[in-house]
Amino acid sequence: MSVQPSRTTLGPPALPRSWKPVLTRVVLLGSALFCLVFFSGMGALGPDDWQLHDRVGIAVAGLLFALVLAVLARPVARADRHGVTVVNFVRRRRLEWPQILGVNLRQGDPWVVLDLADGGTLAVVAIQPGSGRRQAVRAARELRACVDAYGTARR
């Protein structure tokens, strides 16, 4: 079942509006900071028989782990009067409102999926029930209200 706004919905949210998985971002960025500190400390305070390249290698490994975690914390969806910018892990895509036909968040879906006018779909990883089902449903309804108010593809 896709998320549909109720008839009592007053309209789209005030724009510009951003949606982010806040709890997920906090956990991932906190873990990234921990990796940096832990691996750097391990490299600096490691055994005396470690060479310089061993110490640097461990610090670089911590940096790489932190970068991967930072990329995983990147998703955000930003809506303005003209459309929405969807930033997923490594890709950014700008959509005008008429390009979006539907906003779906079905039971068991890991995140919102947009149905596009070109026949494709686009995941919006920034709106995910894993960070709170109620907040994800509310965000999906807000995005749906924006599509209904500003889009013209259905009309």
N, C-alpha and C. Protein backbone atom coordinates (compact mmCIF):
# COMPACT_ATOMS: atom_id res chain seq x y z
N MET A 1 0.85 -1.17 0.00
CA MET A 1 0.00 0.00 0.00
C MET A 1 0.89 1.22 0.00
N SER A 2 0.68 2.15 -0.90
CA SER A 2 1.50 3.34 -0.94
C SER A 2 0.92 4.39 -0.02
N VAL A 3 1.78 5.28 0.43
CA VAL A 3 1.36 6.34 1.33
C VAL A 3 0.57 7.36 0.53
N GLN A 4 -0.62 7.65 0.99
CA GLN A 4 -1.47 8.65 0.36
C GLN A 4 -1.80 9.70 1.42
N PRO A 5 -1.80 10.97 1.04
CA PRO A 5 -2.17 11.98 2.03
C PRO A 5 -3.66 11.85 2.38
N SER A 6 -3.99 12.10 3.61
CA SER A 6 -5.40 12.05 3.99
C SER A 6 -6.10 13.28 3.45
N ARG A 7 -7.41 13.22 3.37
CA ARG A 7 -8.18 14.35 2.86
C ARG A 7 -8.12 15.55 3.80
N THR A 8 -7.71 15.34 5.05
CA THR A 8 -7.60 16.44 6.00
C THR A 8 -6.25 17.13 5.92
N THR A 9 -5.38 16.66 5.04
CA THR A 9 -4.08 17.29 4.87
C THR A 9 -4.29 18.72 4.40
N LEU A 10 -3.65 19.66 5.06
CA LEU A 10 -3.85 21.07 4.75
C LEU A 10 -3.10 21.52 3.50
N GLY A 11 -2.18 20.76 3.02
CA GLY A 11 -1.41 21.14 1.85
C GLY A 11 0.06 20.83 2.06
N PRO A 12 0.85 21.26 1.10
CA PRO A 12 2.27 20.95 1.19
C PRO A 12 2.95 21.75 2.31
N PRO A 13 4.09 21.27 2.78
CA PRO A 13 4.81 22.01 3.83
C PRO A 13 5.41 23.28 3.24
N ALA A 14 5.80 24.17 4.11
CA ALA A 14 6.47 25.40 3.66
C ALA A 14 7.79 25.00 2.99
N LEU A 15 8.06 25.61 1.87
CA LEU A 15 9.29 25.32 1.13
C LEU A 15 10.24 26.50 1.26
N PRO A 16 11.53 26.28 1.25
CA PRO A 16 12.23 25.01 1.06
C PRO A 16 12.13 24.11 2.29
N ARG A 17 12.22 22.82 2.04
CA ARG A 17 12.10 21.80 3.09
C ARG A 17 13.12 20.70 2.82
N SER A 18 13.74 20.20 3.87
CA SER A 18 14.71 19.10 3.75
C SER A 18 14.27 17.94 4.62
N TRP A 19 14.55 16.74 4.14
CA TRP A 19 14.29 15.52 4.92
C TRP A 19 15.60 14.76 5.02
N LYS A 20 15.96 14.36 6.26
CA LYS A 20 17.19 13.61 6.51
C LYS A 20 16.88 12.52 7.54
N PRO A 21 17.56 11.38 7.43
CA PRO A 21 17.42 10.35 8.48
C PRO A 21 18.30 10.72 9.68
N VAL A 22 17.80 11.54 10.58
CA VAL A 22 18.60 12.15 11.63
C VAL A 22 19.30 11.12 12.51
N LEU A 23 18.57 10.14 13.03
CA LEU A 23 19.18 9.14 13.91
C LEU A 23 20.27 8.35 13.18
N THR A 24 20.00 7.98 11.95
CA THR A 24 20.99 7.24 11.16
C THR A 24 22.24 8.08 10.97
N ARG A 25 22.06 9.36 10.66
CA ARG A 25 23.22 10.25 10.46
C ARG A 25 24.04 10.39 11.73
N VAL A 26 23.35 10.54 12.86
CA VAL A 26 24.07 10.68 14.14
C VAL A 26 24.91 9.45 14.42
N VAL A 27 24.32 8.27 14.24
CA VAL A 27 25.04 7.02 14.50
C VAL A 27 26.23 6.87 13.54
N LEU A 28 26.00 7.11 12.25
CA LEU A 28 27.07 6.92 11.26
C LEU A 28 28.19 7.94 11.43
N LEU A 29 27.85 9.20 11.64
CA LEU A 29 28.90 10.21 11.81
C LEU A 29 29.63 10.05 13.14
N GLY A 30 28.90 9.61 14.17
CA GLY A 30 29.57 9.31 15.44
C GLY A 30 30.52 8.14 15.30
N SER A 31 30.11 7.13 14.55
CA SER A 31 30.98 5.98 14.29
C SER A 31 32.20 6.38 13.46
N ALA A 32 32.00 7.29 12.51
CA ALA A 32 33.11 7.78 11.70
C ALA A 32 34.14 8.50 12.57
N LEU A 33 33.65 9.33 13.47
CA LEU A 33 34.56 10.04 14.39
C LEU A 33 35.29 9.05 15.29
N PHE A 34 34.56 8.06 15.78
CA PHE A 34 35.20 7.04 16.61
C PHE A 34 36.30 6.32 15.84
N CYS A 35 36.03 5.95 14.58
CA CYS A 35 37.04 5.27 13.76
C CYS A 35 38.29 6.12 13.61
N LEU A 36 38.09 7.40 13.33
CA LEU A 36 39.25 8.29 13.17
C LEU A 36 40.09 8.34 14.45
N VAL A 37 39.43 8.56 15.57
CA VAL A 37 40.14 8.68 16.85
C VAL A 37 40.78 7.35 17.23
N PHE A 38 40.02 6.26 17.12
CA PHE A 38 40.52 4.96 17.55
C PHE A 38 41.73 4.52 16.72
N PHE A 39 41.60 4.56 15.39
CA PHE A 39 42.68 4.08 14.54
C PHE A 39 43.89 5.01 14.59
N SER A 40 43.67 6.30 14.72
CA SER A 40 44.80 7.23 14.85
C SER A 40 45.51 6.99 16.18
N GLY A 41 44.73 6.80 17.22
CA GLY A 41 45.33 6.51 18.52
C GLY A 41 46.07 5.19 18.53
N MET A 42 45.49 4.20 17.85
CA MET A 42 46.15 2.90 17.77
C MET A 42 47.48 3.02 17.01
N GLY A 43 47.46 3.82 15.94
CA GLY A 43 48.69 4.02 15.18
C GLY A 43 49.75 4.76 15.99
N ALA A 44 49.31 5.76 16.75
CA ALA A 44 50.25 6.57 17.54
C ALA A 44 50.75 5.82 18.77
N LEU A 45 49.90 5.04 19.39
CA LEU A 45 50.25 4.39 20.66
C LEU A 45 50.53 2.89 20.51
N GLY A 46 50.71 2.43 19.28
CA GLY A 46 50.96 1.01 19.03
C GLY A 46 52.29 0.55 19.64
N PRO A 47 52.56 -0.73 19.54
CA PRO A 47 53.80 -1.29 20.10
C PRO A 47 55.05 -0.60 19.54
N ASP A 48 56.10 -0.63 20.32
CA ASP A 48 57.35 0.03 19.93
C ASP A 48 57.98 -0.59 18.68
N ASP A 49 57.70 -1.86 18.41
CA ASP A 49 58.33 -2.49 17.25
C ASP A 49 57.61 -2.20 15.93
N TRP A 50 56.53 -1.39 15.96
CA TRP A 50 55.86 -1.01 14.72
C TRP A 50 56.68 0.04 13.99
N GLN A 51 56.78 -0.11 12.69
CA GLN A 51 57.48 0.85 11.85
C GLN A 51 56.54 2.03 11.55
N LEU A 52 57.09 3.08 10.97
CA LEU A 52 56.30 4.25 10.62
C LEU A 52 55.20 3.88 9.62
N HIS A 53 55.54 3.05 8.63
CA HIS A 53 54.52 2.69 7.64
C HIS A 53 53.38 1.88 8.25
N ASP A 54 53.65 1.11 9.32
CA ASP A 54 52.59 0.39 10.02
C ASP A 54 51.63 1.38 10.68
N ARG A 55 52.20 2.37 11.34
CA ARG A 55 51.41 3.37 12.04
C ARG A 55 50.57 4.20 11.06
N VAL A 56 51.19 4.61 9.98
CA VAL A 56 50.48 5.40 8.97
C VAL A 56 49.38 4.55 8.32
N GLY A 57 49.69 3.29 8.04
CA GLY A 57 48.70 2.40 7.43
C GLY A 57 47.46 2.24 8.30
N ILE A 58 47.65 2.09 9.58
CA ILE A 58 46.51 1.96 10.49
C ILE A 58 45.69 3.25 10.53
N ALA A 59 46.37 4.39 10.57
CA ALA A 59 45.66 5.67 10.56
C ALA A 59 44.89 5.86 9.25
N VAL A 60 45.49 5.48 8.13
CA VAL A 60 44.81 5.59 6.83
C VAL A 60 43.61 4.65 6.77
N ALA A 61 43.73 3.48 7.33
CA ALA A 61 42.59 2.55 7.37
C ALA A 61 41.43 3.18 8.15
N GLY A 62 41.73 3.82 9.26
CA GLY A 62 40.70 4.52 10.03
C GLY A 62 40.06 5.64 9.23
N LEU A 63 40.88 6.36 8.48
CA LEU A 63 40.35 7.42 7.63
C LEU A 63 39.43 6.86 6.55
N LEU A 64 39.82 5.74 5.94
CA LEU A 64 38.99 5.11 4.91
C LEU A 64 37.66 4.62 5.48
N PHE A 65 37.71 4.00 6.65
CA PHE A 65 36.46 3.56 7.30
C PHE A 65 35.56 4.77 7.58
N ALA A 66 36.16 5.85 8.07
CA ALA A 66 35.40 7.07 8.38
C ALA A 66 34.78 7.65 7.11
N LEU A 67 35.51 7.64 6.01
CA LEU A 67 34.97 8.16 4.76
C LEU A 67 33.78 7.33 4.27
N VAL A 68 33.88 6.02 4.38
CA VAL A 68 32.76 5.16 3.97
C VAL A 68 31.53 5.46 4.84
N LEU A 69 31.72 5.60 6.12
CA LEU A 69 30.60 5.91 7.02
C LEU A 69 30.02 7.29 6.71
N ALA A 70 30.86 8.25 6.36
CA ALA A 70 30.37 9.58 6.00
C ALA A 70 29.55 9.53 4.71
N VAL A 71 29.95 8.72 3.75
CA VAL A 71 29.17 8.57 2.51
C VAL A 71 27.82 7.94 2.83
N LEU A 72 27.77 6.98 3.72
CA LEU A 72 26.51 6.35 4.10
C LEU A 72 25.58 7.32 4.83
N ALA A 73 26.14 8.36 5.44
CA ALA A 73 25.35 9.35 6.17
C ALA A 73 24.90 10.50 5.27
N ARG A 74 25.23 10.46 4.00
CA ARG A 74 25.01 11.56 3.07
C ARG A 74 23.57 11.79 2.62
N PRO A 75 22.67 10.82 2.58
CA PRO A 75 21.36 11.03 1.98
C PRO A 75 20.56 12.19 2.58
N VAL A 76 19.98 12.96 1.67
CA VAL A 76 19.09 14.07 2.02
C VAL A 76 18.19 14.33 0.82
N ALA A 77 17.00 14.79 1.09
CA ALA A 77 16.09 15.23 0.03
C ALA A 77 15.73 16.68 0.33
N ARG A 78 15.93 17.55 -0.66
CA ARG A 78 15.66 18.98 -0.49
C ARG A 78 14.62 19.42 -1.52
N ALA A 79 13.51 19.92 -1.02
CA ALA A 79 12.44 20.37 -1.91
C ALA A 79 12.39 21.90 -1.90
N ASP A 80 12.14 22.46 -3.08
CA ASP A 80 11.87 23.89 -3.20
C ASP A 80 10.68 24.06 -4.13
N ARG A 81 10.34 25.26 -4.46
CA ARG A 81 9.15 25.53 -5.27
C ARG A 81 9.21 24.89 -6.66
N HIS A 82 10.40 24.64 -7.17
CA HIS A 82 10.56 24.14 -8.53
C HIS A 82 10.74 22.62 -8.62
N GLY A 83 11.15 21.99 -7.53
CA GLY A 83 11.37 20.55 -7.59
C GLY A 83 12.07 20.04 -6.35
N VAL A 84 12.63 18.86 -6.49
CA VAL A 84 13.31 18.21 -5.37
C VAL A 84 14.68 17.72 -5.82
N THR A 85 15.65 17.87 -4.94
CA THR A 85 16.98 17.32 -5.16
C THR A 85 17.14 16.13 -4.23
N VAL A 86 17.40 14.96 -4.82
CA VAL A 86 17.57 13.73 -4.04
C VAL A 86 19.05 13.39 -4.04
N VAL A 87 19.64 13.37 -2.85
CA VAL A 87 21.04 13.00 -2.69
C VAL A 87 21.05 11.65 -1.99
N ASN A 88 21.47 10.62 -2.72
CA ASN A 88 21.62 9.30 -2.12
C ASN A 88 23.09 9.09 -1.80
N PHE A 89 23.54 7.89 -1.66
CA PHE A 89 24.90 7.65 -1.17
C PHE A 89 25.97 8.31 -2.03
N VAL A 90 25.97 8.07 -3.32
CA VAL A 90 27.01 8.64 -4.18
C VAL A 90 26.45 9.44 -5.34
N ARG A 91 25.14 9.51 -5.47
CA ARG A 91 24.54 10.16 -6.62
C ARG A 91 23.56 11.24 -6.17
N ARG A 92 23.54 12.32 -6.94
CA ARG A 92 22.62 13.42 -6.70
C ARG A 92 21.76 13.57 -7.95
N ARG A 93 20.45 13.74 -7.76
CA ARG A 93 19.58 13.92 -8.91
C ARG A 93 18.56 15.00 -8.62
N ARG A 94 18.41 15.90 -9.56
CA ARG A 94 17.45 16.99 -9.45
C ARG A 94 16.23 16.65 -10.30
N LEU A 95 15.05 16.73 -9.71
CA LEU A 95 13.80 16.46 -10.41
C LEU A 95 12.88 17.67 -10.30
N GLU A 96 12.28 18.04 -11.39
CA GLU A 96 11.23 19.06 -11.36
C GLU A 96 9.95 18.36 -10.93
N TRP A 97 9.03 19.08 -10.31
CA TRP A 97 7.81 18.47 -9.79
C TRP A 97 7.03 17.69 -10.85
N PRO A 98 6.90 18.21 -12.09
CA PRO A 98 6.13 17.45 -13.08
C PRO A 98 6.75 16.09 -13.45
N GLN A 99 8.01 15.87 -13.14
CA GLN A 99 8.65 14.59 -13.45
C GLN A 99 8.25 13.48 -12.48
N ILE A 100 7.62 13.84 -11.37
CA ILE A 100 7.29 12.86 -10.33
C ILE A 100 5.80 12.53 -10.40
N LEU A 101 5.49 11.26 -10.58
CA LEU A 101 4.10 10.82 -10.66
C LEU A 101 3.56 10.31 -9.33
N GLY A 102 4.42 9.69 -8.53
CA GLY A 102 3.95 9.09 -7.29
C GLY A 102 5.03 9.00 -6.24
N VAL A 103 4.59 8.94 -5.00
CA VAL A 103 5.48 8.78 -3.84
C VAL A 103 5.00 7.54 -3.10
N ASN A 104 5.85 6.52 -3.02
CA ASN A 104 5.46 5.25 -2.42
C ASN A 104 6.32 4.90 -1.22
N LEU A 105 5.65 4.47 -0.17
CA LEU A 105 6.33 3.90 1.00
C LEU A 105 5.45 2.75 1.45
N ARG A 106 5.75 1.59 0.94
CA ARG A 106 4.95 0.40 1.25
C ARG A 106 5.50 -0.31 2.47
N GLN A 107 4.66 -1.10 3.09
CA GLN A 107 5.08 -1.89 4.25
C GLN A 107 6.30 -2.73 3.86
N GLY A 108 7.37 -2.64 4.62
CA GLY A 108 8.58 -3.41 4.36
C GLY A 108 9.58 -2.72 3.46
N ASP A 109 9.21 -1.61 2.82
CA ASP A 109 10.16 -0.87 1.99
C ASP A 109 11.24 -0.24 2.88
N PRO A 110 12.50 -0.27 2.42
CA PRO A 110 13.56 0.34 3.22
C PRO A 110 13.56 1.87 3.13
N TRP A 111 12.94 2.44 2.09
CA TRP A 111 12.87 3.89 1.93
C TRP A 111 11.79 4.24 0.91
N VAL A 112 11.53 5.52 0.77
CA VAL A 112 10.54 6.01 -0.18
C VAL A 112 11.04 5.79 -1.60
N VAL A 113 10.12 5.47 -2.50
CA VAL A 113 10.43 5.31 -3.92
C VAL A 113 9.53 6.25 -4.71
N LEU A 114 10.14 7.03 -5.59
CA LEU A 114 9.38 7.93 -6.46
C LEU A 114 9.10 7.24 -7.79
N ASP A 115 7.88 7.34 -8.28
CA ASP A 115 7.54 6.90 -9.62
C ASP A 115 7.72 8.10 -10.53
N LEU A 116 8.50 7.93 -11.60
CA LEU A 116 8.84 9.04 -12.47
C LEU A 116 8.08 8.99 -13.79
N ALA A 117 7.91 10.14 -14.40
CA ALA A 117 7.16 10.26 -15.65
C ALA A 117 7.82 9.49 -16.79
N ASP A 118 9.13 9.28 -16.72
CA ASP A 118 9.83 8.55 -17.79
C ASP A 118 9.69 7.03 -17.64
N GLY A 119 8.91 6.57 -16.66
CA GLY A 119 8.69 5.15 -16.45
C GLY A 119 9.62 4.53 -15.43
N GLY A 120 10.60 5.26 -14.96
CA GLY A 120 11.55 4.75 -13.98
C GLY A 120 11.11 5.06 -12.56
N THR A 121 11.97 4.66 -11.65
CA THR A 121 11.76 4.95 -10.23
C THR A 121 13.05 5.53 -9.67
N LEU A 122 12.93 6.18 -8.54
CA LEU A 122 14.10 6.72 -7.85
C LEU A 122 13.91 6.53 -6.35
N ALA A 123 14.88 5.90 -5.72
CA ALA A 123 14.85 5.73 -4.27
C ALA A 123 15.21 7.05 -3.60
N VAL A 124 14.50 7.35 -2.53
CA VAL A 124 14.81 8.52 -1.70
C VAL A 124 15.26 7.97 -0.35
N VAL A 125 16.54 7.67 -0.25
CA VAL A 125 17.10 7.02 0.93
C VAL A 125 16.97 7.91 2.17
N ALA A 126 16.82 9.20 1.97
CA ALA A 126 16.70 10.13 3.10
C ALA A 126 15.42 9.92 3.91
N ILE A 127 14.41 9.32 3.30
CA ILE A 127 13.15 9.07 4.00
C ILE A 127 13.03 7.56 4.18
N GLN A 128 13.36 7.09 5.39
CA GLN A 128 13.42 5.66 5.64
C GLN A 128 12.78 5.31 6.98
N PRO A 129 11.94 4.28 6.99
CA PRO A 129 11.28 3.86 8.22
C PRO A 129 12.24 3.36 9.29
N GLY A 130 13.45 2.97 8.91
CA GLY A 130 14.42 2.49 9.89
C GLY A 130 14.76 3.54 10.93
N SER A 131 14.57 4.79 10.58
CA SER A 131 14.83 5.89 11.52
C SER A 131 13.57 6.30 12.29
N GLY A 132 12.49 5.60 12.03
CA GLY A 132 11.22 5.90 12.70
C GLY A 132 10.09 5.85 11.69
N ARG A 133 9.23 4.89 11.82
CA ARG A 133 8.15 4.67 10.86
C ARG A 133 7.21 5.88 10.78
N ARG A 134 6.84 6.41 11.92
CA ARG A 134 5.89 7.53 11.95
C ARG A 134 6.47 8.76 11.25
N GLN A 135 7.76 9.05 11.50
CA GLN A 135 8.40 10.19 10.86
C GLN A 135 8.52 9.97 9.36
N ALA A 136 8.81 8.73 8.94
CA ALA A 136 8.94 8.42 7.52
C ALA A 136 7.60 8.58 6.81
N VAL A 137 6.53 8.12 7.43
CA VAL A 137 5.20 8.26 6.83
C VAL A 137 4.84 9.74 6.72
N ARG A 138 5.12 10.51 7.76
CA ARG A 138 4.83 11.95 7.73
C ARG A 138 5.63 12.63 6.62
N ALA A 139 6.93 12.30 6.50
CA ALA A 139 7.77 12.89 5.45
C ALA A 139 7.28 12.49 4.07
N ALA A 140 6.89 11.22 3.90
CA ALA A 140 6.37 10.77 2.61
C ALA A 140 5.08 11.51 2.26
N ARG A 141 4.23 11.74 3.24
CA ARG A 141 2.99 12.49 2.98
C ARG A 141 3.29 13.94 2.61
N GLU A 142 4.28 14.53 3.28
CA GLU A 142 4.66 15.90 2.92
C GLU A 142 5.19 15.97 1.49
N LEU A 143 6.03 15.02 1.13
CA LEU A 143 6.57 14.99 -0.23
C LEU A 143 5.44 14.75 -1.23
N ARG A 144 4.51 13.88 -0.88
CA ARG A 144 3.36 13.61 -1.75
C ARG A 144 2.51 14.86 -1.93
N ALA A 145 2.32 15.62 -0.86
CA ALA A 145 1.55 16.86 -0.95
C ALA A 145 2.24 17.87 -1.86
N CYS A 146 3.56 17.91 -1.83
CA CYS A 146 4.31 18.79 -2.74
C CYS A 146 4.11 18.36 -4.19
N VAL A 147 4.19 17.05 -4.44
CA VAL A 147 3.98 16.53 -5.80
C VAL A 147 2.58 16.89 -6.28
N ASP A 148 1.57 16.73 -5.42
CA ASP A 148 0.19 17.04 -5.80
C ASP A 148 0.01 18.54 -6.04
N ALA A 149 0.66 19.36 -5.24
CA ALA A 149 0.47 20.80 -5.35
C ALA A 149 1.25 21.42 -6.51
N TYR A 150 2.45 20.95 -6.77
CA TYR A 150 3.32 21.61 -7.73
C TYR A 150 3.53 20.83 -9.02
N GLY A 151 3.23 19.53 -9.03
CA GLY A 151 3.44 18.71 -10.21
C GLY A 151 2.31 18.86 -11.21
N THR A 152 2.62 18.60 -12.45
CA THR A 152 1.59 18.68 -13.48
C THR A 152 1.51 17.42 -14.32
N ALA A 153 2.36 16.44 -14.04
CA ALA A 153 2.42 15.24 -14.88
C ALA A 153 1.12 14.45 -14.83
N ARG A 154 0.41 14.47 -13.72
CA ARG A 154 -0.83 13.69 -13.58
C ARG A 154 -2.02 14.41 -14.21
N ARG A 155 -1.91 15.70 -14.37
CA ARG A 155 -3.05 16.49 -14.84
C ARG A 155 -3.14 16.49 -16.33
